[in-house]
C-alpha atoms as a PDB file:
ATOM      1  CA  MET A   1     -12.754  41.462 126.299  1.00  0.00           C
ATOM      2  CA  ARG A   2     -15.721  43.482 127.076  1.00  0.00           C
ATOM      3  CA  ASN A   3     -16.773  44.216 130.753  1.00  0.00           C
ATOM      4  CA  ASN A   4     -20.360  43.150 130.738  1.00  0.00           C
ATOM      5  CA  ARG A   5     -21.013  44.782 134.214  1.00  0.00           C
ATOM      6  CA  MET A   6     -19.578  48.131 133.161  1.00  0.00           C
ATOM      7  CA  ASP A   7     -21.638  47.975 129.954  1.00  0.00           C
ATOM      8  CA  ASN A   8     -24.759  47.232 131.997  1.00  0.00           C
ATOM      9  CA  ILE A   9     -23.841  50.249 134.253  1.00  0.00           C
ATOM     10  CA  LYS A  10     -23.289  52.591 131.337  1.00  0.00           C
ATOM     11  CA  PHE A  11     -26.665  51.619 129.891  1.00  0.00           C
ATOM     12  CA  PHE A  12     -28.367  52.430 133.050  1.00  0.00           C
ATOM     13  CA  LEU A  13     -26.308  55.755 133.486  1.00  0.00           C
ATOM     14  CA  ILE A  14     -26.996  56.922 129.912  1.00  0.00           C
ATOM     15  CA  PHE A  15     -30.648  56.233 130.294  1.00  0.00           C
ATOM     16  CA  CYS A  16     -30.630  58.357 133.366  1.00  0.00           C
ATOM     17  CA  VAL A  17     -28.707  61.178 131.510  1.00  0.00           C
ATOM     18  CA  VAL A  18     -31.563  61.333 129.053  1.00  0.00           C
ATOM     19  CA  PHE A  19     -34.162  60.779 131.545  1.00  0.00           C
ATOM     20  CA  GLY A  20     -32.664  63.396 133.708  1.00  0.00           C
ATOM     21  CA  HIS A  21     -32.789  65.870 130.701  1.00  0.00           C
ATOM     22  CA  MET A  22     -36.306  65.049 129.831  1.00  0.00           C
ATOM     23  CA  LEU A  23     -37.434  65.643 133.450  1.00  0.00           C
ATOM     24  CA  GLU A  24     -36.298  69.270 133.063  1.00  0.00           C
ATOM     25  CA  LEU A  25     -39.469  69.647 130.821  1.00  0.00           C
ATOM     26  CA  VAL A  26     -41.645  67.786 133.298  1.00  0.00           C
ATOM     27  CA  ASP A  27     -40.769  68.092 136.937  1.00  0.00           C
ATOM     28  CA  THR A  28     -37.376  68.721 138.747  1.00  0.00           C
ATOM     29  CA  GLY A  29     -38.521  67.261 141.917  1.00  0.00           C
ATOM     30  CA  VAL A  30     -37.225  64.288 143.982  1.00  0.00           C
ATOM     31  CA  TRP A  31     -36.414  61.893 140.982  1.00  0.00           C
ATOM     32  CA  TYR A  32     -34.719  64.716 139.252  1.00  0.00           C
ATOM     33  CA  LYS A  33     -32.653  65.351 142.313  1.00  0.00           C
ATOM     34  CA  ILE A  34     -31.818  61.608 142.941  1.00  0.00           C
ATOM     35  CA  ILE A  35     -30.721  61.016 139.264  1.00  0.00           C
ATOM     36  CA  TYR A  36     -28.491  64.101 139.350  1.00  0.00           C
ATOM     37  CA  SER A  37     -26.853  63.095 142.832  1.00  0.00           C
ATOM     38  CA  PHE A  38     -25.351  60.027 140.863  1.00  0.00           C
ATOM     39  CA  HIS A  39     -25.487  59.895 137.046  1.00  0.00           C
ATOM     40  CA  MET A  40     -22.613  62.216 136.164  1.00  0.00           C
ATOM     41  CA  PRO A  41     -20.330  61.261 139.115  1.00  0.00           C
ATOM     42  CA  ALA A  42     -20.649  57.483 138.194  1.00  0.00           C
ATOM     43  CA  PHE A  43     -20.428  58.387 134.446  1.00  0.00           C
ATOM     44  CA  ILE A  44     -17.105  59.987 134.953  1.00  0.00           C
ATOM     45  CA  PHE A  45     -15.954  57.285 137.257  1.00  0.00           C
ATOM     46  CA  VAL A  46     -16.754  54.800 134.521  1.00  0.00           C
ATOM     47  CA  SER A  47     -14.639  57.018 131.928  1.00  0.00           C
ATOM     48  CA  GLY A  48     -11.862  57.058 134.337  1.00  0.00           C
ATOM     49  CA  TYR A  49     -11.999  53.061 134.827  1.00  0.00           C
ATOM     50  CA  PHE A  50     -11.623  52.634 131.130  1.00  0.00           C
ATOM     51  CA  ALA A  51      -9.176  55.544 130.587  1.00  0.00           C
ATOM     52  CA  GLN A  52      -5.866  55.235 128.777  1.00  0.00           C
ATOM     53  CA  PHE A  53      -3.610  58.019 127.409  1.00  0.00           C
ATOM     54  CA  ASN A  54      -3.771  58.219 123.788  1.00  0.00           C
ATOM     55  CA  ARG A  55      -3.083  61.242 121.986  1.00  0.00           C
ATOM     56  CA  LYS A  56      -4.787  60.113 118.754  1.00  0.00           C
ATOM     57  CA  LYS A  57      -7.786  59.111 120.533  1.00  0.00           C
ATOM     58  CA  ILE A  58      -8.103  62.222 122.556  1.00  0.00           C
ATOM     59  CA  ILE A  59      -8.214  64.129 119.236  1.00  0.00           C
ATOM     60  CA  SER A  60     -10.509  61.667 117.426  1.00  0.00           C
ATOM     61  CA  VAL A  61     -13.012  60.730 120.215  1.00  0.00           C
ATOM     62  CA  LEU A  62     -13.164  63.893 122.272  1.00  0.00           C
ATOM     63  CA  VAL A  63     -11.690  67.057 120.486  1.00  0.00           C
ATOM     64  CA  TYR A  64     -13.188  66.345 117.069  1.00  0.00           C
ATOM     65  CA  PRO A  65     -16.947  65.557 118.440  1.00  0.00           C
ATOM     66  CA  TYR A  66     -16.649  68.499 120.633  1.00  0.00           C
ATOM     67  CA  ILE A  67     -15.755  70.938 117.893  1.00  0.00           C
ATOM     68  CA  LEU A  68     -18.323  69.200 115.461  1.00  0.00           C
ATOM     69  CA  PHE A  69     -21.261  69.211 117.930  1.00  0.00           C
ATOM     70  CA  GLN A  70     -20.518  72.700 119.410  1.00  0.00           C
ATOM     71  CA  CYS A  71     -21.097  74.007 115.868  1.00  0.00           C
ATOM     72  CA  LEU A  72     -24.095  71.679 115.262  1.00  0.00           C
ATOM     73  CA  TYR A  73     -25.802  72.680 118.668  1.00  0.00           C
ATOM     74  CA  LEU A  74     -25.081  76.300 118.303  1.00  0.00           C
ATOM     75  CA  LEU A  75     -26.388  76.036 114.651  1.00  0.00           C
ATOM     76  CA  PHE A  76     -29.525  74.143 115.785  1.00  0.00           C
ATOM     77  CA  ASP A  77     -30.225  76.646 118.701  1.00  0.00           C
ATOM     78  CA  ALA A  78     -30.015  79.722 116.518  1.00  0.00           C
ATOM     79  CA  VAL A  79     -32.005  78.374 113.416  1.00  0.00           C
ATOM     80  CA  LEU A  80     -34.502  75.874 114.891  1.00  0.00           C
ATOM     81  CA  ILE A  81     -35.025  76.919 118.451  1.00  0.00           C
ATOM     82  CA  LYS A  82     -34.562  80.736 118.376  1.00  0.00           C
ATOM     83  CA  GLN A  83     -35.250  80.875 114.548  1.00  0.00           C
ATOM     84  CA  ASN A  84     -32.853  83.766 114.240  1.00  0.00           C
ATOM     85  CA  LEU A  85     -29.564  83.005 112.446  1.00  0.00           C
ATOM     86  CA  ALA A  86     -28.316  86.461 113.452  1.00  0.00           C
ATOM     87  CA  LEU A  87     -27.921  85.095 116.991  1.00  0.00           C
ATOM     88  CA  LEU A  88     -25.546  82.311 115.928  1.00  0.00           C
ATOM     89  CA  LYS A  89     -22.148  82.861 117.313  1.00  0.00           C
ATOM     90  CA  ILE A  90     -19.606  80.136 117.076  1.00  0.00           C
ATOM     91  CA  GLN A  91     -17.283  79.858 120.017  1.00  0.00           C
ATOM     92  CA  PHE A  92     -15.608  77.080 121.894  1.00  0.00           C
ATOM     93  CA  THR A  93     -14.694  78.471 125.190  1.00  0.00           C
ATOM     94  CA  THR A  94     -18.211  77.864 126.652  1.00  0.00           C
ATOM     95  CA  PRO A  95     -19.621  74.396 125.882  1.00  0.00           C
ATOM     96  CA  TYR A  96     -23.182  74.243 124.771  1.00  0.00           C
ATOM     97  CA  TRP A  97     -25.319  72.573 127.547  1.00  0.00           C
ATOM     98  CA  LEU A  98     -24.381  68.993 127.858  1.00  0.00           C
ATOM     99  CA  LEU A  99     -21.094  69.269 125.919  1.00  0.00           C
ATOM    100  CA  TRP A 100     -19.213  70.231 129.039  1.00  0.00           C
ATOM    101  CA  TYR A 101     -18.665  66.598 129.465  1.00  0.00           C
ATOM    102  CA  LEU A 102     -16.539  66.388 126.438  1.00  0.00           C
ATOM    103  CA  VAL A 103     -14.470  69.313 127.460  1.00  0.00           C
ATOM    104  CA  ALA A 104     -14.072  67.784 131.044  1.00  0.00           C
ATOM    105  CA  MET A 105     -12.885  64.489 129.341  1.00  0.00           C
ATOM    106  CA  ILE A 106     -10.224  66.180 127.218  1.00  0.00           C
ATOM    107  CA  PHE A 107      -8.846  67.598 130.445  1.00  0.00           C
ATOM    108  CA  TYR A 108      -9.017  64.399 132.349  1.00  0.00           C
ATOM    109  CA  TYR A 109      -7.496  62.431 129.648  1.00  0.00           C
ATOM    110  CA  THR A 110      -4.714  64.809 129.063  1.00  0.00           C
ATOM    111  CA  VAL A 111      -3.543  64.437 132.570  1.00  0.00           C
ATOM    112  CA  ILE A 112      -3.877  60.629 132.771  1.00  0.00           C
ATOM    113  CA  PRO A 113       0.053  60.068 132.572  1.00  0.00           C
ATOM    114  CA  TYR A 114       0.349  62.059 135.862  1.00  0.00           C
ATOM    115  CA  ILE A 115      -2.616  60.115 137.541  1.00  0.00           C
ATOM    116  CA  VAL A 116      -1.375  56.728 136.731  1.00  0.00           C
ATOM    117  CA  HIS A 117       2.245  57.297 137.827  1.00  0.00           C
ATOM    118  CA  GLY A 118       1.291  59.135 140.931  1.00  0.00           C
ATOM    119  CA  ASN A 119       0.138  57.985 144.529  1.00  0.00           C
ATOM    120  CA  PHE A 120      -3.392  57.398 144.124  1.00  0.00           C
ATOM    121  CA  ARG A 121      -4.332  58.477 147.663  1.00  0.00           C
ATOM    122  CA  ILE A 122      -2.459  61.657 147.471  1.00  0.00           C
ATOM    123  CA  LEU A 123      -3.972  62.512 144.209  1.00  0.00           C
ATOM    124  CA  PHE A 124      -7.572  61.503 145.170  1.00  0.00           C
ATOM    125  CA  GLY A 125      -7.190  63.747 148.386  1.00  0.00           C
ATOM    126  CA  ALA A 126      -5.902  66.603 146.175  1.00  0.00           C
ATOM    127  CA  ALA A 127      -8.693  66.208 143.713  1.00  0.00           C
ATOM    128  CA  ALA A 128     -11.202  66.188 146.499  1.00  0.00           C
ATOM    129  CA  PHE A 129      -9.474  69.497 147.921  1.00  0.00           C
ATOM    130  CA  LEU A 130      -9.714  71.083 144.359  1.00  0.00           C
ATOM    131  CA  SER A 131     -13.418  69.996 144.030  1.00  0.00           C
ATOM    132  CA  LEU A 132     -14.276  71.745 147.423  1.00  0.00           C
ATOM    133  CA  ILE A 133     -12.254  74.962 146.840  1.00  0.00           C
ATOM    134  CA  ALA A 134     -13.595  75.377 143.213  1.00  0.00           C
ATOM    135  CA  GLY A 135     -16.717  76.369 144.687  1.00  0.00           C
ATOM    136  CA  MET A 136     -15.176  79.497 146.178  1.00  0.00           C
ATOM    137  CA  ASP A 137     -14.267  80.852 142.892  1.00  0.00           C
ATOM    138  CA  ALA A 138     -17.169  82.464 141.297  1.00  0.00           C
ATOM    139  CA  SER A 139     -15.071  83.524 138.078  1.00  0.00           C
ATOM    140  CA  ILE A 140     -14.534  79.941 136.590  1.00  0.00           C
ATOM    141  CA  GLY A 141     -18.226  78.777 136.204  1.00  0.00           C
ATOM    142  CA  TYR A 142     -19.012  77.636 132.569  1.00  0.00           C
ATOM    143  CA  TYR A 143     -15.816  78.898 130.983  1.00  0.00           C
ATOM    144  CA  LEU A 144     -14.133  75.767 129.532  1.00  0.00           C
ATOM    145  CA  SER A 145     -16.356  73.686 132.172  1.00  0.00           C
ATOM    146  CA  LEU A 146     -13.713  74.534 134.628  1.00  0.00           C
ATOM    147  CA  SER A 147     -15.976  74.373 137.542  1.00  0.00           C
ATOM    148  CA  ARG A 148     -17.162  70.991 136.554  1.00  0.00           C
ATOM    149  CA  CYS A 149     -13.731  69.799 135.719  1.00  0.00           C
ATOM    150  CA  PHE A 150     -12.617  70.296 139.360  1.00  0.00           C
ATOM    151  CA  THR A 151     -15.903  69.269 140.966  1.00  0.00           C
ATOM    152  CA  PHE A 152     -16.006  65.825 139.233  1.00  0.00           C
ATOM    153  CA  LEU A 153     -12.128  65.113 139.185  1.00  0.00           C
ATOM    154  CA  PRO A 154     -12.128  62.942 142.155  1.00  0.00           C
ATOM    155  CA  TYR A 155     -14.657  60.485 140.521  1.00  0.00           C
ATOM    156  CA  PHE A 156     -12.440  60.157 137.474  1.00  0.00           C
ATOM    157  CA  ILE A 157      -9.531  59.647 139.497  1.00  0.00           C
ATOM    158  CA  LEU A 158     -11.335  56.758 141.523  1.00  0.00           C
ATOM    159  CA  GLY A 159     -12.158  55.171 138.376  1.00  0.00           C
ATOM    160  CA  VAL A 160      -8.463  55.301 137.129  1.00  0.00           C
ATOM    161  CA  GLY A 161      -7.371  53.651 140.469  1.00  0.00           C
ATOM    162  CA  TRP A 162     -10.353  51.398 141.112  1.00  0.00           C
ATOM    163  CA  LYS A 163      -8.470  48.213 140.060  1.00  0.00           C
ATOM    164  CA  SER A 164      -5.438  49.064 142.307  1.00  0.00           C
ATOM    165  CA  LEU A 165      -7.680  49.584 145.286  1.00  0.00           C
ATOM    166  CA  ARG A 166      -9.102  46.142 144.853  1.00  0.00           C
ATOM    167  CA  ALA A 167     -12.333  47.493 145.917  1.00  0.00           C
ATOM    168  CA  ASP A 168     -14.104  44.716 144.151  1.00  0.00           C
ATOM    169  CA  GLN A 169     -13.525  42.442 147.084  1.00  0.00           C
ATOM    170  CA  LEU A 170     -16.279  44.438 148.923  1.00  0.00           C
ATOM    171  CA  ARG A 171     -18.775  42.755 147.084  1.00  0.00           C
ATOM    172  CA  LYS A 172     -17.856  39.729 149.354  1.00  0.00           C
ATOM    173  CA  SER A 173     -18.766  41.680 152.620  1.00  0.00           C
ATOM    174  CA  SER A 174     -22.292  41.437 153.852  1.00  0.00           C
ATOM    175  CA  VAL A 175     -21.577  44.143 156.200  1.00  0.00           C
ATOM    176  CA  PHE A 176     -20.410  46.654 153.477  1.00  0.00           C
ATOM    177  CA  LYS A 177     -23.515  45.856 151.426  1.00  0.00           C
ATOM    178  CA  ILE A 178     -25.839  46.572 154.205  1.00  0.00           C
ATOM    179  CA  VAL A 179     -24.267  49.816 155.081  1.00  0.00           C
ATOM    180  CA  ASN A 180     -23.915  50.781 151.476  1.00  0.00           C
ATOM    181  CA  VAL A 181     -27.685  50.320 150.764  1.00  0.00           C
ATOM    182  CA  LEU A 182     -28.604  52.095 154.089  1.00  0.00           C
ATOM    183  CA  LEU A 183     -26.573  55.094 152.999  1.00  0.00           C
ATOM    184  CA  VAL A 184     -28.252  55.126 149.452  1.00  0.00           C
ATOM    185  CA  LEU A 185     -31.808  55.067 151.224  1.00  0.00           C
ATOM    186  CA  ILE A 186     -30.751  57.866 153.470  1.00  0.00           C
ATOM    187  CA  THR A 187     -29.400  59.720 150.466  1.00  0.00           C
ATOM    188  CA  CYS A 188     -32.821  59.119 148.612  1.00  0.00           C
ATOM    189  CA  TYR A 189     -34.869  60.034 151.788  1.00  0.00           C
ATOM    190  CA  VAL A 190     -32.924  63.427 152.484  1.00  0.00           C
ATOM    191  CA  LEU A 191     -33.215  64.475 148.951  1.00  0.00           C
ATOM    192  CA  GLY A 192     -36.819  63.871 148.806  1.00  0.00           C
ATOM    193  CA  ARG A 193     -37.816  65.077 152.244  1.00  0.00           C
ATOM    194  CA  TYR A 194     -35.844  68.032 152.656  1.00  0.00           C
ATOM    195  CA  HIS A 195     -34.889  71.246 150.497  1.00  0.00           C
ATOM    196  CA  PHE A 196     -31.626  72.391 151.724  1.00  0.00           C
ATOM    197  CA  ILE A 197     -30.066  70.720 148.864  1.00  0.00           C
ATOM    198  CA  SER A 198     -31.489  72.407 145.635  1.00  0.00           C
ATOM    199  CA  ASN A 199     -30.840  71.355 141.938  1.00  0.00           C
ATOM    200  CA  LEU A 200     -28.441  73.861 141.560  1.00  0.00           C
ATOM    201  CA  MET A 201     -26.077  72.393 144.096  1.00  0.00           C
ATOM    202  CA  LEU A 202     -26.191  69.065 142.058  1.00  0.00           C
ATOM    203  CA  TYR A 203     -24.699  70.506 138.691  1.00  0.00           C
ATOM    204  CA  GLY A 204     -21.156  71.282 139.762  1.00  0.00           C
ATOM    205  CA  SER A 205     -20.985  74.272 137.453  1.00  0.00           C
ATOM    206  CA  LEU A 206     -21.956  77.119 140.147  1.00  0.00           C
ATOM    207  CA  SER A 207     -19.938  78.704 142.875  1.00  0.00           C
ATOM    208  CA  TYR A 208     -20.954  78.542 146.430  1.00  0.00           C
ATOM    209  CA  ALA A 209     -22.242  82.225 146.114  1.00  0.00           C
ATOM    210  CA  HIS A 210     -24.222  81.472 143.067  1.00  0.00           C
ATOM    211  CA  GLY A 211     -25.584  78.024 144.154  1.00  0.00           C
ATOM    212  CA  HIS A 212     -26.263  79.178 147.808  1.00  0.00           C
ATOM    213  CA  TYR A 213     -24.398  76.236 149.455  1.00  0.00           C
ATOM    214  CA  ASN A 214     -20.926  75.778 151.075  1.00  0.00           C
ATOM    215  CA  PHE A 215     -18.054  73.329 150.966  1.00  0.00           C
ATOM    216  CA  ILE A 216     -19.693  71.113 153.779  1.00  0.00           C
ATOM    217  CA  ILE A 217     -22.719  70.434 151.520  1.00  0.00           C
ATOM    218  CA  LYS A 218     -20.502  69.999 148.464  1.00  0.00           C
ATOM    219  CA  GLY A 219     -18.374  67.519 150.606  1.00  0.00           C
ATOM    220  CA  ILE A 220     -21.612  65.336 151.482  1.00  0.00           C
ATOM    221  CA  LEU A 221     -22.653  65.263 148.007  1.00  0.00           C
ATOM    222  CA  LEU A 222     -18.926  64.158 146.942  1.00  0.00           C
ATOM    223  CA  LEU A 223     -19.250  61.229 149.481  1.00  0.00           C
ATOM    224  CA  CYS A 224     -22.936  60.453 148.272  1.00  0.00           C
ATOM    225  CA  GLY A 225     -21.553  60.188 144.698  1.00  0.00           C
ATOM    226  CA  ILE A 226     -18.792  57.608 145.794  1.00  0.00           C
ATOM    227  CA  ASN A 227     -21.484  55.700 147.634  1.00  0.00           C
ATOM    228  CA  TRP A 228     -23.640  55.452 144.689  1.00  0.00           C
ATOM    229  CA  ILE A 229     -20.614  54.369 142.697  1.00  0.00           C
ATOM    230  CA  PHE A 230     -20.002  51.536 145.208  1.00  0.00           C
ATOM    231  CA  PHE A 231     -23.502  50.505 145.121  1.00  0.00           C
ATOM    232  CA  PHE A 232     -23.616  50.206 141.388  1.00  0.00           C
ATOM    233  CA  MET A 233     -20.289  48.171 141.169  1.00  0.00           C
ATOM    234  CA  TRP A 234     -21.887  45.391 143.176  1.00  0.00           C
ATOM    235  CA  ILE A 235     -25.645  45.600 142.566  1.00  0.00           C
ATOM    236  CA  ILE A 236     -25.693  45.584 138.620  1.00  0.00           C
ATOM    237  CA  PRO A 237     -25.040  42.068 137.261  1.00  0.00           C
ATOM    238  CA  SER A 238     -21.998  41.006 135.481  1.00  0.00           C
ATOM    239  CA  LYS A 239     -23.683  38.900 132.997  1.00  0.00           C
ATOM    240  CA  SER A 240     -24.504  39.941 129.507  1.00  0.00           C
ATOM    241  CA  ILE A 241     -28.286  41.093 129.270  1.00  0.00           C
ATOM    242  CA  PRO A 242     -29.945  41.046 125.724  1.00  0.00           C
ATOM    243  CA  LEU A 243     -30.161  44.481 124.218  1.00  0.00           C
ATOM    244  CA  ILE A 244     -28.969  46.333 127.508  1.00  0.00           C
ATOM    245  CA  THR A 245     -25.268  45.210 127.425  1.00  0.00           C
ATOM    246  CA  SER A 246     -24.945  46.061 123.725  1.00  0.00           C
ATOM    247  CA  VAL A 247     -26.365  49.445 124.166  1.00  0.00           C
ATOM    248  CA  GLY A 248     -23.891  50.126 126.913  1.00  0.00           C
ATOM    249  CA  LYS A 249     -21.248  49.979 124.240  1.00  0.00           C
ATOM    250  CA  ASN A 250     -22.687  52.991 122.220  1.00  0.00           C
ATOM    251  CA  THR A 251     -23.353  55.443 125.050  1.00  0.00           C
ATOM    252  CA  LEU A 252     -21.298  58.138 123.398  1.00  0.00           C
ATOM    253  CA  ILE A 253     -23.613  58.484 120.391  1.00  0.00           C
ATOM    254  CA  ILE A 254     -26.750  58.529 122.627  1.00  0.00           C
ATOM    255  CA  PHE A 255     -25.183  61.411 124.740  1.00  0.00           C
ATOM    256  CA  LEU A 256     -24.241  63.409 121.743  1.00  0.00           C
ATOM    257  CA  LEU A 257     -27.545  62.989 119.880  1.00  0.00           C
ATOM    258  CA  HIS A 258     -30.285  62.999 122.519  1.00  0.00           C
ATOM    259  CA  GLY A 259     -29.928  66.703 123.165  1.00  0.00           C
ATOM    260  CA  PHE A 260     -31.592  67.524 119.822  1.00  0.00           C
ATOM    261  CA  ILE A 261     -34.608  65.553 120.703  1.00  0.00           C
ATOM    262  CA  VAL A 262     -34.850  67.003 124.185  1.00  0.00           C
ATOM    263  CA  LYS A 263     -34.455  70.610 122.846  1.00  0.00           C
ATOM    264  CA  SER A 264     -36.867  70.039 119.976  1.00  0.00           C
ATOM    265  CA  LEU A 265     -39.660  68.791 122.423  1.00  0.00           C
ATOM    266  CA  GLU A 266     -39.047  71.633 124.740  1.00  0.00           C
ATOM    267  CA  HIS A 267     -39.500  74.134 121.782  1.00  0.00           C
ATOM    268  CA  ILE A 268     -42.538  72.258 120.378  1.00  0.00           C
ATOM    269  CA  GLY A 269     -44.300  72.081 123.684  1.00  0.00           C
ATOM    270  CA  GLY A 270     -47.580  70.214 124.310  1.00  0.00           C
ATOM    271  CA  ILE A 271     -46.103  66.987 124.912  1.00  0.00           C
ATOM    272  CA  PHE A 272     -46.240  66.771 128.764  1.00  0.00           C
ATOM    273  CA  VAL A 273     -49.716  67.896 129.483  1.00  0.00           C
ATOM    274  CA  TYR A 274     -50.873  65.289 131.890  1.00  0.00           C
ATOM    275  CA  SER A 275     -50.583  64.757 135.542  1.00  0.00           C
ATOM    276  CA  ILE A 276     -47.007  64.641 136.993  1.00  0.00           C
ATOM    277  CA  ALA A 277     -47.150  60.960 137.316  1.00  0.00           C
ATOM    278  CA  VAL A 278     -48.261  60.429 133.909  1.00  0.00           C
ATOM    279  CA  ASN A 279     -45.656  62.964 132.409  1.00  0.00           C
ATOM    280  CA  ILE A 280     -42.898  61.207 134.357  1.00  0.00           C
ATOM    281  CA  CYS A 281     -43.827  57.916 132.903  1.00  0.00           C
ATOM    282  CA  LEU A 282     -44.073  59.333 129.379  1.00  0.00           C
ATOM    283  CA  ALA A 283     -40.608  61.000 129.807  1.00  0.00           C
ATOM    284  CA  ALA A 284     -39.122  57.687 130.889  1.00  0.00           C
ATOM    285  CA  LEU A 285     -40.763  55.964 127.786  1.00  0.00           C
ATOM    286  CA  ILE A 286     -39.432  58.433 125.459  1.00  0.00           C
ATOM    287  CA  SER A 287     -36.027  58.361 127.070  1.00  0.00           C
ATOM    288  CA  LEU A 288     -36.053  54.561 126.535  1.00  0.00           C
ATOM    289  CA  VAL A 289     -36.972  55.026 122.902  1.00  0.00           C
ATOM    290  CA  ILE A 290     -34.163  57.472 122.414  1.00  0.00           C
ATOM    291  CA  VAL A 291     -31.557  55.095 124.197  1.00  0.00           C
ATOM    292  CA  PHE A 292     -32.434  52.051 121.928  1.00  0.00           C
ATOM    293  CA  LEU A 293     -32.688  54.232 118.945  1.00  0.00           C
ATOM    294  CA  PHE A 294     -29.379  55.729 119.002  1.00  0.00           C
ATOM    295  CA  GLY A 295     -27.626  52.848 121.056  1.00  0.00           C
ATOM    296  CA  ASN A 296     -28.117  49.977 118.788  1.00  0.00           C
ATOM    297  CA  ASP A 297     -25.050  48.484 117.175  1.00  0.00           C
ATOM    298  CA  PHE A 298     -25.913  49.898 113.662  1.00  0.00           C
ATOM    299  CA  MET A 299     -26.306  53.464 114.841  1.00  0.00           C
ATOM    300  CA  GLY A 300     -23.261  52.962 117.159  1.00  0.00           C
ATOM    301  CA  SER A 301     -21.107  51.992 114.263  1.00  0.00           C
ATOM    302  CA  LEU A 302     -22.426  54.751 111.927  1.00  0.00           C
ATOM    303  CA  GLY A 303     -22.170  57.343 114.624  1.00  0.00           C
ATOM    304  CA  LYS A 304     -18.624  56.439 115.326  1.00  0.00           C
ATOM    305  CA  MET A 305     -17.751  56.808 111.769  1.00  0.00           C
ATOM    306  CA  VAL A 306     -19.577  59.939 111.184  1.00  0.00           C
ATOM    307  CA  PHE A 307     -19.439  61.761 114.614  1.00  0.00           C
ATOM    308  CA  THR A 308     -15.915  60.906 115.663  1.00  0.00           C
ATOM    309  CA  GLY A 309     -12.582  61.299 113.790  1.00  0.00           C
ATOM    310  CA  LYS A 310     -12.511  57.547 112.889  1.00  0.00           C
ATOM    311  CA  GLY A 311     -14.440  58.232 109.509  1.00  0.00           C
ATOM    312  CA  ILE A 312     -11.839  60.769 108.657  1.00  0.00           C
ATOM    313  CA  GLU A 313      -8.905  58.308 109.605  1.00  0.00           C
ATOM    314  CA  LYS A 314     -10.553  55.723 107.325  1.00  0.00           C
ATOM    315  CA  ILE A 315     -10.983  58.102 104.433  1.00  0.00           C
ATOM    316  CA  ALA A 316      -7.397  59.326 104.862  1.00  0.00           C
ATOM    317  CA  GLY A 317      -6.001  55.640 105.088  1.00  0.00           C
ATOM    318  CA  TYR A 318      -7.983  54.844 101.882  1.00  0.00           C
ATOM    319  CA  CYS A 319      -6.497  57.879 100.016  1.00  0.00           C
ATOM    320  CA  ARG A 320      -3.072  57.004 101.013  1.00  0.00           C
ATOM    321  CA  HIS A 321      -3.594  53.317  99.892  1.00  0.00           C
ATOM    322  CA  GLN A 322      -4.877  54.699  96.364  1.00  0.00           C
ATOM    323  CA  ARG A 323      -1.808  56.702  96.010  1.00  0.00           C
END
């Protein structure tokens, strides 16, 4: 049975992912910072919420799409963006741009058996510790997305252990809601008013030396991400919303495909040539079009057949049946 609230949250988050990438072509100011303070922490939390260890699914829905889209994006970048096929270099140790998420998910899903059979509080504490000390190592960075794997690991573990925490009961507490909203407002105010938190600090891919921050700021950002998650878990409705809830089922396809459009618009240029306010509205509109274009049930079904291992499984099954 589908969880409407989580599908609604996924819709909102995938829109923020697309909009955040679109804002990189327009303005990386306060809206950009606010989005980056929660969209990937919350998305990884949702991934953990639904996570189940399944070797076949890891290969079909994570490994296969990563290999496929790593090749497609590298080819796209060399041929259409840089227009020089000689620059094409197929490799799988450094994920192309947004594909770091798939590599992180491969790592997270592989260790699920250790998470579900362990003590949640100890595991979460250890993950938070790893997240903080990861910034001290300038050598890991983008290689196999190791820096982001460690940085965002606490959110995944929080998602896995959410039901056992019985955190949903907090929805009944008015005091919790007031404090939660106040912290969200403070987060937005600080990100908009002060500049000691830069965009680089929000990516999770840079060391303290390269991002010019420290474990205290990273710890604060970790707590902010967790607070955002609690906020979304009670503020977003649990009822089915026409169009929105159904799109929430197809976020993987949106995630995998939207990068081609964003990079194409960046290469073409001349799109965002108006005032900042108009450009932001235009970016939001284009983002909505992308979300609904790739997130409808037809594209979702087609995408899962073509861009994951499910299509290969069906073909293999058909061939075995024919024999």
